[in-house]
C-alpha atoms as a PDB file:
ATOM      1  CA  UNK A   1      -1.567   0.343 -12.171  1.00  0.00           C
ATOM      2  CA  UNK A   2      -1.140  -1.913  -9.471  1.00  0.00           C
ATOM      3  CA  UNK A   3      -1.515   0.346  -6.736  1.00  0.00           C
ATOM      4  CA  UNK A   4      -4.497   2.233  -8.243  1.00  0.00           C
ATOM      5  CA  UNK A   5      -6.170  -1.486  -8.660  1.00  0.00           C
ATOM      6  CA  UNK A   6      -5.362  -2.502  -5.065  1.00  0.00           C
ATOM      7  CA  UNK A   7      -7.076   0.883  -4.093  1.00  0.00           C
ATOM      8  CA  UNK A   8     -10.127   0.342  -6.009  1.00  0.00           C
ATOM      9  CA  UNK A   9     -10.694  -3.147  -4.778  1.00  0.00           C
ATOM     10  CA  UNK A  10     -10.031  -2.481  -1.227  1.00  0.00           C
ATOM     11  CA  UNK A  11     -12.223   0.767  -1.294  1.00  0.00           C
ATOM     12  CA  UNK A  12     -15.321  -0.856  -0.233  1.00  0.00           C
ATOM     13  CA  UNK A  13     -13.728  -3.159   2.274  1.00  0.00           C
ATOM     14  CA  UNK A  14     -14.920  -1.798   5.854  1.00  0.00           C
ATOM     15  CA  UNK A  15     -11.461  -3.686   7.214  1.00  0.00           C
ATOM     16  CA  UNK A  16      -9.311  -1.021   5.527  1.00  0.00           C
ATOM     17  CA  UNK A  17      -8.949   2.745   4.469  1.00  0.00           C
ATOM     18  CA  UNK A  18      -6.714   2.711   1.722  1.00  0.00           C
ATOM     19  CA  UNK A  19      -5.100   5.513  -0.392  1.00  0.00           C
ATOM     20  CA  UNK A  20      -2.722   4.873  -3.533  1.00  0.00           C
ATOM     21  CA  UNK A  21       0.337   6.763  -4.124  1.00  0.00           C
ATOM     22  CA  UNK A  22       3.363   6.155  -6.198  1.00  0.00           C
ATOM     23  CA  UNK A  23       7.440   6.654  -5.453  1.00  0.00           C
ATOM     24  CA  UNK A  24       7.821   7.859  -8.885  1.00  0.00           C
ATOM     25  CA  UNK A  25       7.796  11.291 -10.331  1.00  0.00           C
ATOM     26  CA  UNK A  26       5.487  10.196 -13.233  1.00  0.00           C
ATOM     27  CA  UNK A  27       3.214   8.331 -10.893  1.00  0.00           C
ATOM     28  CA  UNK A  28      -0.497  10.458 -10.823  1.00  0.00           C
ATOM     29  CA  UNK A  29      -0.252  10.872  -7.016  1.00  0.00           C
ATOM     30  CA  UNK A  30       3.144  10.861  -5.627  1.00  0.00           C
ATOM     31  CA  UNK A  31       3.626   9.769  -2.052  1.00  0.00           C
ATOM     32  CA  UNK A  32       4.360  12.650   0.863  1.00  0.00           C
ATOM     33  CA  UNK A  33       5.847  12.481   3.927  1.00  0.00           C
ATOM     34  CA  UNK A  34       1.834  13.081   5.046  1.00  0.00           C
ATOM     35  CA  UNK A  35       0.773   9.755   3.484  1.00  0.00           C
ATOM     36  CA  UNK A  36       3.345   8.058   5.704  1.00  0.00           C
ATOM     37  CA  UNK A  37       2.177   9.526   8.842  1.00  0.00           C
ATOM     38  CA  UNK A  38      -1.538   9.225   7.804  1.00  0.00           C
ATOM     39  CA  UNK A  39      -0.978   4.949   7.323  1.00  0.00           C
ATOM     40  CA  UNK A  40      -0.831   2.439  10.029  1.00  0.00           C
ATOM     41  CA  UNK A  41       1.026   0.027   7.231  1.00  0.00           C
ATOM     42  CA  UNK A  42       2.410   0.855   3.822  1.00  0.00           C
ATOM     43  CA  UNK A  43       2.116  -1.896   1.372  1.00  0.00           C
ATOM     44  CA  UNK A  44       4.254  -1.342  -1.914  1.00  0.00           C
ATOM     45  CA  UNK A  45       4.460  -3.988  -4.804  1.00  0.00           C
ATOM     46  CA  UNK A  46       8.100  -4.586  -5.375  1.00  0.00           C
ATOM     47  CA  UNK A  47      10.838  -4.356  -2.537  1.00  0.00           C
ATOM     48  CA  UNK A  48      12.224  -1.769  -4.455  1.00  0.00           C
ATOM     49  CA  UNK A  49       9.809   0.665  -3.594  1.00  0.00           C
ATOM     50  CA  UNK A  50      10.310  -0.076   0.154  1.00  0.00           C
ATOM     51  CA  UNK A  51      13.909   1.012  -0.438  1.00  0.00           C
ATOM     52  CA  UNK A  52      13.037   4.316  -2.321  1.00  0.00           C
ATOM     53  CA  UNK A  53      10.677   5.033   0.369  1.00  0.00           C
ATOM     54  CA  UNK A  54      13.638   4.773   2.686  1.00  0.00           C
ATOM     55  CA  UNK A  55      15.590   6.923   0.670  1.00  0.00           C
ATOM     56  CA  UNK A  56      13.012   9.489  -0.002  1.00  0.00           C
ATOM     57  CA  UNK A  57      11.851  10.000   3.813  1.00  0.00           C
ATOM     58  CA  UNK A  58      14.601   8.645   6.121  1.00  0.00           C
ATOM     59  CA  UNK A  59      13.384  10.408   9.131  1.00  0.00           C
ATOM     60  CA  UNK A  60       9.823   8.800   8.716  1.00  0.00           C
ATOM     61  CA  UNK A  61      10.763   5.500   7.510  1.00  0.00           C
ATOM     62  CA  UNK A  62      11.918   3.761  10.908  1.00  0.00           C
ATOM     63  CA  UNK A  63       8.343   4.538  12.480  1.00  0.00           C
ATOM     64  CA  UNK A  64       6.432   3.199   9.235  1.00  0.00           C
ATOM     65  CA  UNK A  65       5.654  -0.575   8.769  1.00  0.00           C
ATOM     66  CA  UNK A  66       6.502  -1.256   5.026  1.00  0.00           C
ATOM     67  CA  UNK A  67       5.285  -4.633   3.742  1.00  0.00           C
ATOM     68  CA  UNK A  68       5.939  -5.549   0.010  1.00  0.00           C
ATOM     69  CA  UNK A  69       3.606  -7.690  -1.787  1.00  0.00           C
ATOM     70  CA  UNK A  70       6.142  -8.642  -4.584  1.00  0.00           C
ATOM     71  CA  UNK A  71       4.138  -8.427  -7.611  1.00  0.00           C
ATOM     72  CA  UNK A  72       5.831  -7.334 -10.901  1.00  0.00           C
ATOM     73  CA  UNK A  73       4.688  -4.568 -12.705  1.00  0.00           C
ATOM     74  CA  UNK A  74       3.343  -6.334 -15.636  1.00  0.00           C
ATOM     75  CA  UNK A  75      -0.273  -5.605 -15.666  1.00  0.00           C
ATOM     76  CA  UNK A  76      -2.943  -3.254 -16.938  1.00  0.00           C
ATOM     77  CA  UNK A  77      -5.343  -1.060 -14.469  1.00  0.00           C
ATOM     78  CA  UNK A  78      -8.009  -3.673 -13.080  1.00  0.00           C
ATOM     79  CA  UNK A  79      -6.589  -6.585 -14.916  1.00  0.00           C
ATOM     80  CA  UNK A  80      -8.061  -9.801 -13.694  1.00  0.00           C
ATOM     81  CA  UNK A  81      -4.962 -11.583 -13.395  1.00  0.00           C
ATOM     82  CA  UNK A  82      -3.534  -8.311 -11.353  1.00  0.00           C
ATOM     83  CA  UNK A  83      -6.912  -8.406  -9.030  1.00  0.00           C
ATOM     84  CA  UNK A  84      -6.480 -12.261  -8.110  1.00  0.00           C
ATOM     85  CA  UNK A  85      -2.846 -11.767  -7.559  1.00  0.00           C
ATOM     86  CA  UNK A  86      -3.445  -8.729  -5.192  1.00  0.00           C
ATOM     87  CA  UNK A  87      -5.960 -10.489  -3.010  1.00  0.00           C
ATOM     88  CA  UNK A  88      -4.147 -13.641  -2.791  1.00  0.00           C
ATOM     89  CA  UNK A  89      -1.067 -11.834  -1.220  1.00  0.00           C
ATOM     90  CA  UNK A  90      -3.072  -8.976   0.698  1.00  0.00           C
ATOM     91  CA  UNK A  91      -5.511 -11.801   2.131  1.00  0.00           C
ATOM     92  CA  UNK A  92      -2.824 -13.844   3.154  1.00  0.00           C
ATOM     93  CA  UNK A  93      -0.824 -11.159   4.903  1.00  0.00           C
ATOM     94  CA  UNK A  94      -3.701 -10.199   6.623  1.00  0.00           C
ATOM     95  CA  UNK A  95      -4.785 -13.715   7.454  1.00  0.00           C
ATOM     96  CA  UNK A  96      -1.423 -14.534   8.720  1.00  0.00           C
ATOM     97  CA  UNK A  97      -1.983 -11.806  11.036  1.00  0.00           C
ATOM     98  CA  UNK A  98       1.209  -9.785  10.028  1.00  0.00           C
ATOM     99  CA  UNK A  99      -1.442  -7.043  10.210  1.00  0.00           C
ATOM    100  CA  UNK A 100      -2.939  -7.459  13.455  1.00  0.00           C
ATOM    101  CA  UNK A 101      -6.673  -7.496  12.791  1.00  0.00           C
ATOM    102  CA  UNK A 102      -7.256  -5.074  15.676  1.00  0.00           C
ATOM    103  CA  UNK A 103      -4.842  -2.697  13.998  1.00  0.00           C
ATOM    104  CA  UNK A 104      -5.792  -3.025  10.410  1.00  0.00           C
ATOM    105  CA  UNK A 105      -8.019  -0.364  10.295  1.00  0.00           C
ATOM    106  CA  UNK A 106      -6.212   2.629   9.008  1.00  0.00           C
ATOM    107  CA  UNK A 107      -6.693   6.629  10.396  1.00  0.00           C
ATOM    108  CA  UNK A 108      -9.304   8.709   8.749  1.00  0.00           C
ATOM    109  CA  UNK A 109      -8.313  11.429   6.277  1.00  0.00           C
ATOM    110  CA  UNK A 110      -9.707  13.850   8.616  1.00  0.00           C
ATOM    111  CA  UNK A 111      -6.619  13.223  10.852  1.00  0.00           C
ATOM    112  CA  UNK A 112      -4.204  14.505   8.293  1.00  0.00           C
END
């Protein structure tokens, strides 16, 4: 429930366009090649998810900037502690300019 929570809390943030997808077949929405093409950045919750993306999309992966937040899968959707952790981690990488301000705005859905 980490990614859907992150998408929910950043949906109204004018700095970003966000989507949520998972790497496991049990995910509500499973990530597709088109999702990677749409995104300027892919944020994963754990490093293992980045590795799985690499194995799922070996041709696309070298062109994709992937950052991991290292947030364990121990939370419920919109749990206050999860929201706090997501904001702390994501704002850190944003403020540290790991995601450059001028590039943080991702492509519109119409470009898919």
